[in-house]
Amino acid sequence: MRRQQLKVLACVLGVATPWLLMAQSASSDETYTVKSIIPVPGGLTSFDIAFVDANVHTLVLADRTNKSIDVVNTNSNTLIHQYTATPPFAGVVASPGNASGPNGVLIVDQREIWATDAPVQSTCSGTPIVCTTPSSIKVINLKSGAMIANIPNGGVRRADELCEDVRHEIVLVANDDPIDNFLTFVDTETYKVIGTTHKLDGTDPNFKITLSPMPAGTTNVAADGIEQCKFNPRTGSYYLAVPATKVTTGTGTVPGPGVVLKISKSAPFHIEQTFTIPAATGCTGPQGLAIGPDHQIQLGCAGANSVIIDDRTGAIILNQTGEGGADEVWYNPGDNSYFIARSSAGKLGVTDSGPSPRQDADVTTTIGSHVVAADMVTDQIYVPVRANTVAGTCSTAGCATLCGAAGSAAAAAGCIAVLKSNRDDRCLAQGMPVLDHDDGDDPVFMRARCEDHDRDDHVAERGDR
């Protein structure tokens, strides 16, 4: 990294340059406690994905309760906007399944919110089902809340999770319902869908899933659900978690294992590799996915355990015992840790990424908290918490949550809880830039790299060219 970039970044962040330049040794286990809670006007009974862009100290949350994107300033930890859309977000839809919205959300170019949405169900009819107003990706101005674009992508159920190749300005979007079962690629400059949708049902020759081992007599492998994706600047490919497959042989169709798909960054888009996740690991379905350092990918899994795999081979690096039942996961390079949102357990799994990854103590959250995101500048961890009036949140009426004490108005309303560690490693694992740039610049490191990590520094400095 160029010295000039480092000085500029230090000034922008308002931090002292010496600790940016000096690597410090890793601390012992970090303990996370609630620093503050952020009330959500209108309450919070249903939500989906959260995303933090530390460049603009902003968290965005897909809030189905209020049919909005909730915008939080992560410096002050205050909710500053609840942006709605035109046409409106679907909100909470009880039936049919996978028809609520907003769902996935991210910040593009530090100035736009991209959020996925479900179709207007009243416009859907026929066999097969067709929606006059199909699933879409809505683009909202981050500063003003004005609608920039509504991009239909043809689904009869929700458009769900999404991720961006920042350098090439392309967003991958997944429609996860089996009725849809496809991927869409969208240009963030033109707001146009690139080419056509890509089915994961085995009919698209560029998106055929190959299991290892492939069961004898297999004639087709289809995705059974689509979950979190991330672009990996280290390999120049998208990675996508598929929690399960359906395997068709001469004797019928049976459930198959979960996989991670490595997908090309440019058209013709295609699967480059398929990593089969063995059920014997205790990961019975990869759902969350986060890119970590040193060729690590964190998978948050259904089943008993979660796992960290190698982004080149799919080999298991760490079997995270007892960290299953997870949805969204997040890697925070600020403190070199993974966070695993374990909704049904009401726990947040924490793993130090290394150089030899190791599990830290779980953090008690609240049942139903399936989402996590972190600000890598402040090292604050954000966990949305639904109201304790929602079925399944409490075993007894009016229970305590991260939002407040049992019987309190805060617990009954829901909130976004802010967690903070009592200590901070203050170093960056090799291989991952802290702040991405969308204008072709080299990635910039906010913190010094840990002394133990040096094998992939040249990759992190070079970025994906």
Protein backbone atom coordinates (compact mmCIF):
# COMPACT_ATOMS: atom_id res chain seq x y z
CA MET A 1 0.00 0.00 0.00
CA ARG A 2 1.22 3.44 -0.83
CA ARG A 3 2.24 5.60 2.14
CA GLN A 4 0.14 8.49 0.83
CA GLN A 5 -2.99 6.33 0.90
CA LEU A 6 -2.29 5.28 4.46
CA LYS A 7 -1.86 8.87 5.63
CA VAL A 8 -5.05 9.96 3.92
CA LEU A 9 -6.99 7.09 5.45
CA ALA A 10 -5.63 7.78 8.91
CA CYS A 11 -6.76 11.39 8.63
CA VAL A 12 -10.19 10.43 7.33
CA LEU A 13 -10.75 7.98 10.15
CA GLY A 14 -9.39 10.36 12.76
CA VAL A 15 -7.01 7.77 14.18
CA ALA A 16 -3.36 7.82 15.11
CA THR A 17 -1.05 6.56 12.40
CA PRO A 18 1.35 4.57 14.65
CA TRP A 19 -1.03 1.73 15.37
CA LEU A 20 -1.87 1.60 11.69
CA LEU A 21 1.78 0.98 10.97
CA MET A 22 2.70 -1.38 13.79
CA ALA A 23 1.44 -4.94 14.07
CA GLN A 24 0.42 -6.00 17.53
CA SER A 25 0.13 -9.48 18.95
CA ALA A 26 -3.28 -11.12 19.16
CA SER A 27 -5.12 -10.96 22.45
CA SER A 28 -6.78 -13.74 24.36
CA ASP A 29 -10.47 -14.55 23.88
CA GLU A 30 -12.65 -11.51 23.38
CA THR A 31 -15.83 -11.09 25.41
CA TYR A 32 -18.74 -9.21 23.87
CA THR A 33 -21.37 -7.35 25.84
CA VAL A 34 -24.21 -4.99 24.94
CA LYS A 35 -22.90 -1.45 24.51
CA SER A 36 -26.21 0.12 23.55
CA ILE A 37 -29.53 -0.59 21.89
CA ILE A 38 -31.05 1.22 18.92
CA PRO A 39 -34.86 1.53 19.06
CA VAL A 40 -36.71 1.02 15.77
CA PRO A 41 -39.76 3.26 15.22
CA GLY A 42 -42.76 1.05 14.52
CA GLY A 43 -41.16 -1.88 16.33
CA LEU A 44 -39.32 -4.84 14.85
CA THR A 45 -41.17 -8.12 14.47
CA SER A 46 -39.78 -9.31 11.13
CA PHE A 47 -36.53 -8.49 9.37
CA ASP A 48 -33.99 -10.05 7.06
CA ILE A 49 -30.39 -9.14 6.16
CA ALA A 50 -28.20 -6.36 7.58
CA PHE A 51 -25.13 -4.81 5.97
CA VAL A 52 -22.47 -2.35 7.20
CA ASP A 53 -20.29 -0.09 5.06
CA ALA A 54 -17.60 1.28 7.36
CA ASN A 55 -16.46 3.73 4.68
CA VAL A 56 -19.63 5.75 5.31
CA HIS A 57 -20.21 4.53 8.92
CA THR A 58 -23.62 3.18 7.97
CA LEU A 59 -25.67 0.07 8.72
CA VAL A 60 -28.74 -0.81 6.66
CA LEU A 61 -31.35 -3.37 7.71
CA ALA A 62 -34.13 -4.96 5.65
CA ASP A 63 -37.11 -4.17 7.90
CA ARG A 64 -40.22 -6.08 6.80
CA THR A 65 -42.26 -4.86 9.78
CA ASN A 66 -42.21 -1.28 8.54
CA LYS A 67 -41.74 -2.07 4.83
CA SER A 68 -38.53 -0.06 4.97
CA ILE A 69 -34.77 0.00 4.93
CA ASP A 70 -33.60 1.16 8.35
CA VAL A 71 -30.45 3.30 8.19
CA VAL A 72 -28.18 3.56 11.24
CA ASN A 73 -25.22 5.87 11.79
CA THR A 74 -22.62 3.55 13.33
CA ASN A 75 -20.66 6.45 14.85
CA SER A 76 -23.57 7.68 16.95
CA ASN A 77 -25.53 4.39 16.95
CA THR A 78 -28.75 6.16 16.09
CA LEU A 79 -31.39 5.24 13.52
CA ILE A 80 -31.43 8.21 11.16
CA HIS A 81 -33.80 7.08 8.38
CA GLN A 82 -36.49 4.56 7.55
CA TYR A 83 -36.61 4.61 3.77
CA THR A 84 -39.64 3.24 1.94
CA ALA A 85 -39.83 2.45 -1.76
CA THR A 86 -42.02 3.05 -4.82
CA PRO A 87 -43.64 0.62 -5.47
CA PRO A 88 -43.70 -0.30 -1.78
CA PHE A 89 -41.78 -3.21 -0.30
CA ALA A 90 -43.92 -6.31 0.15
CA GLY A 91 -43.64 -6.30 3.94
CA VAL A 92 -44.66 -9.41 5.89
CA VAL A 93 -46.55 -11.91 3.72
CA ALA A 94 -47.79 -14.99 5.58
CA SER A 95 -48.72 -16.95 2.46
CA PRO A 96 -47.36 -17.95 0.02
CA GLY A 97 -43.96 -18.63 1.53
CA ASN A 98 -40.92 -16.64 0.40
CA ALA A 99 -43.07 -13.69 -0.63
CA SER A 100 -42.05 -11.12 2.00
CA GLY A 101 -39.69 -8.19 1.51
CA PRO A 102 -37.31 -6.42 1.72
CA ASN A 103 -34.81 -9.27 2.01
CA GLY A 104 -31.18 -8.88 0.97
CA VAL A 105 -29.57 -5.45 1.27
CA LEU A 106 -26.19 -3.85 0.59
CA ILE A 107 -24.61 -0.45 -0.02
CA VAL A 108 -23.19 0.20 -3.49
CA ASP A 109 -20.66 2.94 -4.29
CA GLN A 110 -21.10 4.33 -0.77
CA ARG A 111 -24.16 6.18 -2.06
CA GLU A 112 -26.87 3.68 -2.99
CA ILE A 113 -28.92 1.09 -1.09
CA TRP A 114 -29.71 -2.04 -3.09
CA ALA A 115 -32.52 -4.12 -1.60
CA THR A 116 -34.31 -7.16 -2.95
CA ASP A 117 -38.08 -7.54 -2.85
CA ALA A 118 -40.89 -10.00 -3.55
CA PRO A 119 -43.57 -9.72 -6.26
CA VAL A 120 -46.89 -8.01 -5.74
CA GLN A 121 -48.87 -11.18 -5.08
CA SER A 122 -52.15 -9.75 -6.37
CA THR A 123 -50.57 -9.60 -9.83
CA CYS A 124 -49.57 -13.31 -9.83
CA SER A 125 -51.74 -15.96 -11.51
CA GLY A 126 -51.83 -18.86 -13.92
CA THR A 127 -50.07 -22.20 -14.26
CA PRO A 128 -47.14 -21.86 -14.29
CA ILE A 129 -47.41 -18.76 -12.12
CA VAL A 130 -46.56 -15.44 -13.77
CA CYS A 131 -46.51 -12.09 -11.94
CA THR A 132 -47.24 -8.84 -13.77
CA THR A 133 -45.22 -7.14 -11.03
CA PRO A 134 -42.45 -9.71 -10.41
CA SER A 135 -39.62 -9.84 -7.88
CA SER A 136 -37.26 -6.90 -8.06
CA ILE A 137 -34.15 -5.13 -6.86
CA LYS A 138 -34.90 -1.64 -5.58
CA VAL A 139 -32.20 1.07 -5.62
CA ILE A 140 -32.51 3.97 -3.15
CA ASN A 141 -30.33 7.04 -2.70
CA LEU A 142 -28.51 6.57 0.60
CA LYS A 143 -28.45 10.27 1.44
CA SER A 144 -31.94 11.40 0.39
CA GLY A 145 -34.03 8.24 0.30
CA ALA A 146 -35.16 8.98 -3.26
CA MET A 147 -35.91 6.01 -5.51
CA ILE A 148 -33.29 5.61 -8.21
CA ALA A 149 -34.42 2.42 -9.92
CA ASN A 150 -36.77 -0.52 -9.61
CA ILE A 151 -35.21 -3.46 -11.46
CA PRO A 152 -37.60 -6.37 -12.14
CA ASN A 153 -35.90 -9.75 -12.40
CA GLY A 154 -38.82 -12.02 -13.19
CA GLY A 155 -39.33 -14.07 -10.04
CA VAL A 156 -42.71 -15.28 -8.81
CA ARG A 157 -41.31 -15.42 -5.28
CA ARG A 158 -38.83 -13.15 -3.53
CA ALA A 159 -35.46 -11.98 -4.77
CA ASP A 160 -33.35 -12.72 -1.71
CA GLU A 161 -29.65 -12.40 -0.90
CA LEU A 162 -27.20 -10.44 -3.02
CA CYS A 163 -23.51 -9.51 -3.18
CA GLU A 164 -21.28 -7.27 -5.29
CA ASP A 165 -18.09 -7.55 -7.26
CA VAL A 166 -17.03 -4.00 -6.39
CA ARG A 167 -14.25 -3.69 -8.97
CA HIS A 168 -16.38 -4.77 -11.92
CA GLU A 169 -19.60 -3.23 -10.55
CA ILE A 170 -21.80 -6.29 -10.88
CA VAL A 171 -24.30 -7.52 -8.30
CA LEU A 172 -25.34 -11.17 -8.06
CA VAL A 173 -28.92 -11.73 -6.86
CA ALA A 174 -30.50 -15.06 -5.85
CA ASN A 175 -34.17 -16.04 -6.11
CA ASP A 176 -34.14 -18.92 -3.65
CA ASP A 177 -37.63 -20.41 -3.83
CA PRO A 178 -37.75 -23.74 -5.75
CA ILE A 179 -40.35 -22.24 -8.08
CA ASP A 180 -37.72 -19.71 -9.20
CA ASN A 181 -34.33 -21.23 -8.34
CA PHE A 182 -32.24 -18.82 -10.38
CA LEU A 183 -29.48 -16.20 -10.26
CA THR A 184 -29.49 -12.73 -11.79
CA PHE A 185 -26.49 -10.49 -12.53
CA VAL A 186 -27.07 -6.72 -12.57
CA ASP A 187 -24.81 -3.89 -13.76
CA THR A 188 -24.66 -1.24 -11.00
CA GLU A 189 -23.88 1.55 -13.47
CA THR A 190 -26.72 0.93 -15.94
CA TYR A 191 -29.17 -0.83 -13.57
CA LYS A 192 -29.67 -3.43 -16.30
CA VAL A 193 -29.83 -7.19 -15.93
CA ILE A 194 -26.83 -8.70 -17.72
CA GLY A 195 -28.04 -11.38 -20.10
CA THR A 196 -30.68 -13.75 -18.80
CA THR A 197 -31.45 -15.43 -15.51
CA HIS A 198 -29.42 -18.55 -14.72
CA LYS A 199 -31.36 -21.53 -13.42
CA LEU A 200 -29.85 -23.82 -10.78
CA ASP A 201 -32.24 -26.67 -11.56
CA GLY A 202 -29.82 -28.45 -13.90
CA THR A 203 -31.23 -27.06 -17.15
CA ASP A 204 -28.61 -24.34 -17.64
CA PRO A 205 -25.47 -25.92 -19.13
CA ASN A 206 -23.27 -23.26 -17.50
CA PHE A 207 -24.72 -23.90 -14.04
CA LYS A 208 -24.62 -27.65 -13.64
CA ILE A 209 -23.79 -28.70 -10.07
CA THR A 210 -21.26 -31.52 -9.83
CA LEU A 211 -21.16 -33.38 -6.52
CA SER A 212 -18.11 -35.09 -5.06
CA PRO A 213 -18.65 -37.99 -5.10
CA MET A 214 -21.41 -38.05 -7.69
CA PRO A 215 -23.98 -40.75 -6.81
CA ALA A 216 -24.11 -43.60 -9.31
CA GLY A 217 -26.66 -43.13 -12.05
CA THR A 218 -27.13 -39.40 -11.43
CA THR A 219 -28.91 -37.66 -14.28
CA ASN A 220 -29.48 -34.26 -12.66
CA VAL A 221 -28.51 -32.20 -9.62
CA ALA A 222 -30.64 -29.17 -8.67
CA ALA A 223 -30.20 -26.59 -5.92
CA ASP A 224 -32.71 -26.89 -3.10
CA GLY A 225 -32.54 -23.34 -1.75
CA ILE A 226 -29.97 -20.57 -2.26
CA GLU A 227 -28.39 -18.62 0.57
CA GLN A 228 -25.62 -16.06 1.26
CA CYS A 229 -23.07 -15.07 -1.40
CA LYS A 230 -19.86 -13.04 -1.38
CA PHE A 231 -17.38 -11.92 -4.01
CA ASN A 232 -13.85 -13.06 -3.19
CA PRO A 233 -11.22 -10.51 -4.38
CA ARG A 234 -8.51 -13.07 -3.63
CA THR A 235 -9.68 -15.50 -6.32
CA GLY A 236 -11.72 -13.14 -8.47
CA SER A 237 -14.91 -15.21 -8.19
CA TYR A 238 -18.29 -15.21 -6.48
CA TYR A 239 -18.96 -17.84 -3.83
CA LEU A 240 -22.53 -18.95 -3.16
CA ALA A 241 -23.93 -21.17 -0.40
CA VAL A 242 -26.50 -23.75 -1.47
CA PRO A 243 -27.95 -25.43 1.64
CA ALA A 244 -29.13 -28.62 -0.05
CA THR A 245 -29.52 -30.29 -3.42
CA LYS A 246 -31.96 -32.65 -5.11
CA VAL A 247 -30.32 -35.56 -6.87
CA THR A 248 -32.17 -37.38 -9.64
CA THR A 249 -31.13 -40.89 -10.62
CA GLY A 250 -32.81 -43.66 -12.57
CA THR A 251 -34.80 -44.60 -9.48
CA GLY A 252 -36.12 -41.15 -8.54
CA THR A 253 -35.16 -37.91 -6.79
CA VAL A 254 -33.58 -37.90 -3.33
CA PRO A 255 -32.14 -35.19 -1.03
CA GLY A 256 -28.49 -34.37 -1.67
CA PRO A 257 -25.75 -32.54 0.25
CA GLY A 258 -25.21 -28.83 0.55
CA VAL A 259 -22.57 -27.23 -1.66
CA VAL A 260 -20.66 -24.01 -2.20
CA LEU A 261 -20.52 -22.80 -5.80
CA LYS A 262 -17.56 -20.83 -7.13
CA ILE A 263 -18.93 -18.67 -9.97
CA SER A 264 -17.13 -16.64 -12.63
CA LYS A 265 -16.99 -12.86 -12.33
CA SER A 266 -17.90 -12.14 -15.96
CA ALA A 267 -20.14 -13.34 -18.76
CA PRO A 268 -20.70 -15.99 -19.81
CA PHE A 269 -21.32 -16.57 -16.11
CA HIS A 270 -20.75 -20.17 -15.11
CA ILE A 271 -19.86 -22.46 -12.21
CA GLU A 272 -16.08 -22.81 -11.97
CA GLN A 273 -16.01 -25.27 -9.07
CA THR A 274 -18.45 -27.05 -6.80
CA PHE A 275 -17.40 -27.76 -3.21
CA THR A 276 -19.49 -30.53 -1.64
CA ILE A 277 -19.89 -30.12 2.12
CA PRO A 278 -19.90 -33.59 3.74
CA ALA A 279 -22.81 -34.16 6.13
CA ALA A 280 -20.34 -36.01 8.35
CA THR A 281 -18.93 -32.62 9.39
CA GLY A 282 -22.19 -31.83 11.17
CA CYS A 283 -22.81 -29.04 8.65
CA THR A 284 -25.98 -30.35 7.06
CA GLY A 285 -26.49 -27.28 4.93
CA PRO A 286 -24.33 -24.17 4.35
CA GLN A 287 -26.41 -21.00 4.70
CA GLY A 288 -24.27 -18.09 5.81
CA LEU A 289 -21.02 -17.36 3.95
CA ALA A 290 -18.21 -14.88 4.69
CA ILE A 291 -14.79 -14.42 3.07
CA GLY A 292 -11.99 -14.46 5.65
CA PRO A 293 -8.19 -14.29 5.52
CA ASP A 294 -5.65 -16.91 4.42
CA HIS A 295 -7.99 -18.61 1.90
CA GLN A 296 -10.68 -19.12 4.54
CA ILE A 297 -14.42 -19.10 3.93
CA GLN A 298 -16.72 -19.22 6.93
CA LEU A 299 -19.93 -21.17 6.45
CA GLY A 300 -22.84 -20.84 8.85
CA CYS A 301 -24.66 -24.15 8.74
CA ALA A 302 -27.82 -25.99 9.61
CA GLY A 303 -27.14 -29.02 11.79
CA ALA A 304 -24.88 -29.29 14.80
CA ASN A 305 -21.75 -27.57 13.52
CA SER A 306 -20.52 -24.82 11.23
CA VAL A 307 -17.26 -25.04 9.26
CA ILE A 308 -14.45 -23.00 7.74
CA ILE A 309 -13.34 -24.22 4.32
CA ASP A 310 -10.46 -23.48 1.94
CA ASP A 311 -11.50 -21.22 -0.97
CA ARG A 312 -9.28 -23.16 -3.41
CA THR A 313 -10.28 -26.75 -2.67
CA GLY A 314 -13.27 -26.75 -0.34
CA ALA A 315 -11.24 -28.69 2.23
CA ILE A 316 -12.36 -28.35 5.84
CA ILE A 317 -10.02 -26.04 7.78
CA LEU A 318 -12.00 -26.02 11.04
CA ASN A 319 -15.05 -27.92 12.20
CA GLN A 320 -16.77 -25.49 14.61
CA THR A 321 -18.38 -27.80 17.12
CA GLY A 322 -21.76 -26.68 18.40
CA GLU A 323 -21.98 -23.62 16.14
CA GLY A 324 -24.77 -24.92 13.89
CA GLY A 325 -28.26 -23.58 13.38
CA ALA A 326 -26.87 -20.47 11.73
CA ASP A 327 -28.10 -18.03 9.11
CA GLU A 328 -26.07 -14.91 8.29
CA VAL A 329 -22.34 -14.84 9.13
CA TRP A 330 -19.87 -11.96 9.01
CA TYR A 331 -16.10 -11.60 8.99
CA ASN A 332 -14.80 -8.49 10.76
CA PRO A 333 -11.18 -7.74 9.79
CA GLY A 334 -11.12 -5.04 12.44
CA ASP A 335 -10.75 -7.67 15.17
CA ASN A 336 -10.01 -10.65 12.90
CA SER A 337 -13.12 -12.56 13.98
CA TYR A 338 -16.05 -14.40 12.45
CA PHE A 339 -19.56 -13.96 13.84
CA ILE A 340 -22.17 -16.67 13.37
CA ALA A 341 -25.83 -15.74 13.94
CA ARG A 342 -27.44 -18.83 15.51
CA SER A 343 -31.11 -17.97 15.49
CA SER A 344 -32.76 -20.98 17.11
CA ALA A 345 -30.18 -21.15 19.91
CA GLY A 346 -30.24 -17.42 20.63
CA LYS A 347 -26.44 -17.36 20.41
CA LEU A 348 -23.76 -15.52 18.46
CA GLY A 349 -20.86 -17.79 17.62
CA VAL A 350 -17.42 -16.16 17.62
CA THR A 351 -14.28 -17.58 16.02
CA ASP A 352 -10.83 -15.99 15.85
CA SER A 353 -9.64 -16.53 12.27
CA GLY A 354 -6.09 -17.34 13.18
CA PRO A 355 -3.43 -17.80 11.91
CA SER A 356 -4.85 -21.06 13.32
CA PRO A 357 -8.61 -20.51 13.62
CA ARG A 358 -10.06 -21.17 17.07
CA GLN A 359 -13.48 -20.86 18.60
CA ASP A 360 -14.14 -18.24 21.25
CA ALA A 361 -17.01 -18.27 23.71
CA ASP A 362 -20.54 -17.84 22.34
CA VAL A 363 -22.42 -14.64 23.11
CA THR A 364 -26.01 -14.94 24.35
CA THR A 365 -28.34 -13.02 22.03
CA THR A 366 -32.08 -13.66 21.54
CA ILE A 367 -33.98 -16.46 19.81
CA GLY A 368 -34.81 -15.28 16.31
CA SER A 369 -31.69 -13.14 15.92
CA HIS A 370 -30.54 -14.67 12.64
CA VAL A 371 -28.61 -11.64 11.36
CA VAL A 372 -25.24 -10.10 12.23
CA ALA A 373 -23.06 -7.35 10.77
CA ALA A 374 -19.99 -5.49 12.03
CA ASP A 375 -18.41 -2.06 11.60
CA MET A 376 -14.73 -2.77 11.01
CA VAL A 377 -13.66 0.74 12.07
CA THR A 378 -15.34 0.80 15.47
CA ASP A 379 -15.44 -3.00 15.94
CA GLN A 380 -19.07 -2.76 16.94
CA ILE A 381 -21.23 -5.80 16.23
CA TYR A 382 -24.89 -5.30 15.26
CA VAL A 383 -27.57 -7.88 16.05
CA PRO A 384 -31.21 -7.10 15.16
CA VAL A 385 -33.63 -8.42 17.79
CA ARG A 386 -37.31 -9.02 17.16
CA ALA A 387 -40.03 -8.08 19.66
CA ASN A 388 -40.54 -10.54 22.50
CA THR A 389 -44.20 -10.73 21.50
CA VAL A 390 -43.28 -12.75 18.38
CA ALA A 391 -44.07 -16.45 18.72
CA GLY A 392 -40.94 -18.49 19.42
CA THR A 393 -38.91 -15.63 20.89
CA CYS A 394 -39.82 -16.45 24.48
CA SER A 395 -40.53 -19.58 26.46
CA THR A 396 -42.47 -17.43 28.92
CA ALA A 397 -44.57 -14.37 28.24
CA GLY A 398 -42.73 -11.05 28.13
CA CYS A 399 -39.21 -12.47 28.48
CA ALA A 400 -36.05 -10.40 28.64
CA THR A 401 -34.16 -9.86 25.38
CA LEU A 402 -31.05 -7.94 24.36
CA CYS A 403 -33.40 -4.98 23.96
CA GLY A 404 -34.55 -4.81 27.56
CA ALA A 405 -35.68 -6.48 30.76
CA ALA A 406 -38.61 -8.86 30.99
CA GLY A 407 -41.88 -6.98 30.66
CA SER A 408 -40.21 -3.78 29.44
CA ALA A 409 -41.48 -1.71 26.53
CA ALA A 410 -38.06 -2.02 24.86
CA ALA A 411 -38.18 -5.82 24.87
CA ALA A 412 -41.73 -5.74 23.55
CA ALA A 413 -40.74 -3.45 20.66
CA GLY A 414 -37.53 -5.08 19.44
CA CYS A 415 -34.33 -3.21 18.60
CA ILE A 416 -30.89 -3.39 17.04
CA ALA A 417 -28.41 -4.38 19.74
CA VAL A 418 -24.83 -3.07 19.58
CA LEU A 419 -22.17 -5.41 20.99
CA LYS A 420 -18.60 -4.46 21.79
CA SER A 421 -15.60 -6.48 22.96
CA ASN A 422 -13.71 -5.78 26.15
CA ARG A 423 -10.48 -6.07 24.18
CA ASP A 424 -9.36 -5.68 20.61
CA ASP A 425 -6.61 -7.47 18.66
CA ARG A 426 -5.91 -4.30 16.65
CA CYS A 427 -4.42 -6.16 13.71
CA LEU A 428 -5.55 -7.30 10.31
CA ALA A 429 -5.15 -10.84 9.07
CA GLN A 430 -3.32 -11.10 5.77
CA GLY A 431 -5.17 -11.48 2.54
CA MET A 432 -8.13 -9.17 3.16
CA PRO A 433 -8.39 -5.45 2.43
CA VAL A 434 -10.37 -3.61 5.08
CA LEU A 435 -11.83 -0.95 2.83
CA ASP A 436 -12.82 -1.80 -0.74
CA HIS A 437 -12.72 0.79 -3.50
CA ASP A 438 -15.06 0.84 -6.47
CA ASP A 439 -12.94 3.11 -8.67
CA GLY A 440 -10.09 0.72 -9.45
CA ASP A 441 -7.77 1.88 -6.66
CA ASP A 442 -5.66 -0.55 -4.72
CA PRO A 443 -7.42 -1.80 -1.59
CA VAL A 444 -6.41 0.14 1.49
CA PHE A 445 -5.55 -1.35 4.87
CA MET A 446 -7.05 0.36 7.88
CA ARG A 447 -4.93 -1.57 10.34
CA ALA A 448 -1.54 -3.16 10.41
CA ARG A 449 -1.40 -6.82 9.45
CA CYS A 450 -0.78 -9.38 12.16
CA GLU A 451 2.86 -10.43 12.26
CA ASP A 452 1.94 -14.08 11.81
CA HIS A 453 0.17 -13.41 8.53
CA ASP A 454 2.31 -12.63 5.54
CA ARG A 455 1.82 -15.33 2.94
CA ASP A 456 -0.83 -13.52 0.93
CA ASP A 457 0.10 -9.89 1.48
CA HIS A 458 0.97 -9.53 -2.17
CA VAL A 459 -2.53 -10.69 -3.12
CA ALA A 460 -4.21 -8.22 -0.76
CA GLU A 461 -2.04 -5.36 -1.97
CA ARG A 462 -2.55 -6.20 -5.61
CA GLY A 463 -6.29 -6.81 -5.37
CA ASP A 464 -8.22 -8.44 -8.21
CA ARG A 465 -6.86 -7.04 -11.43
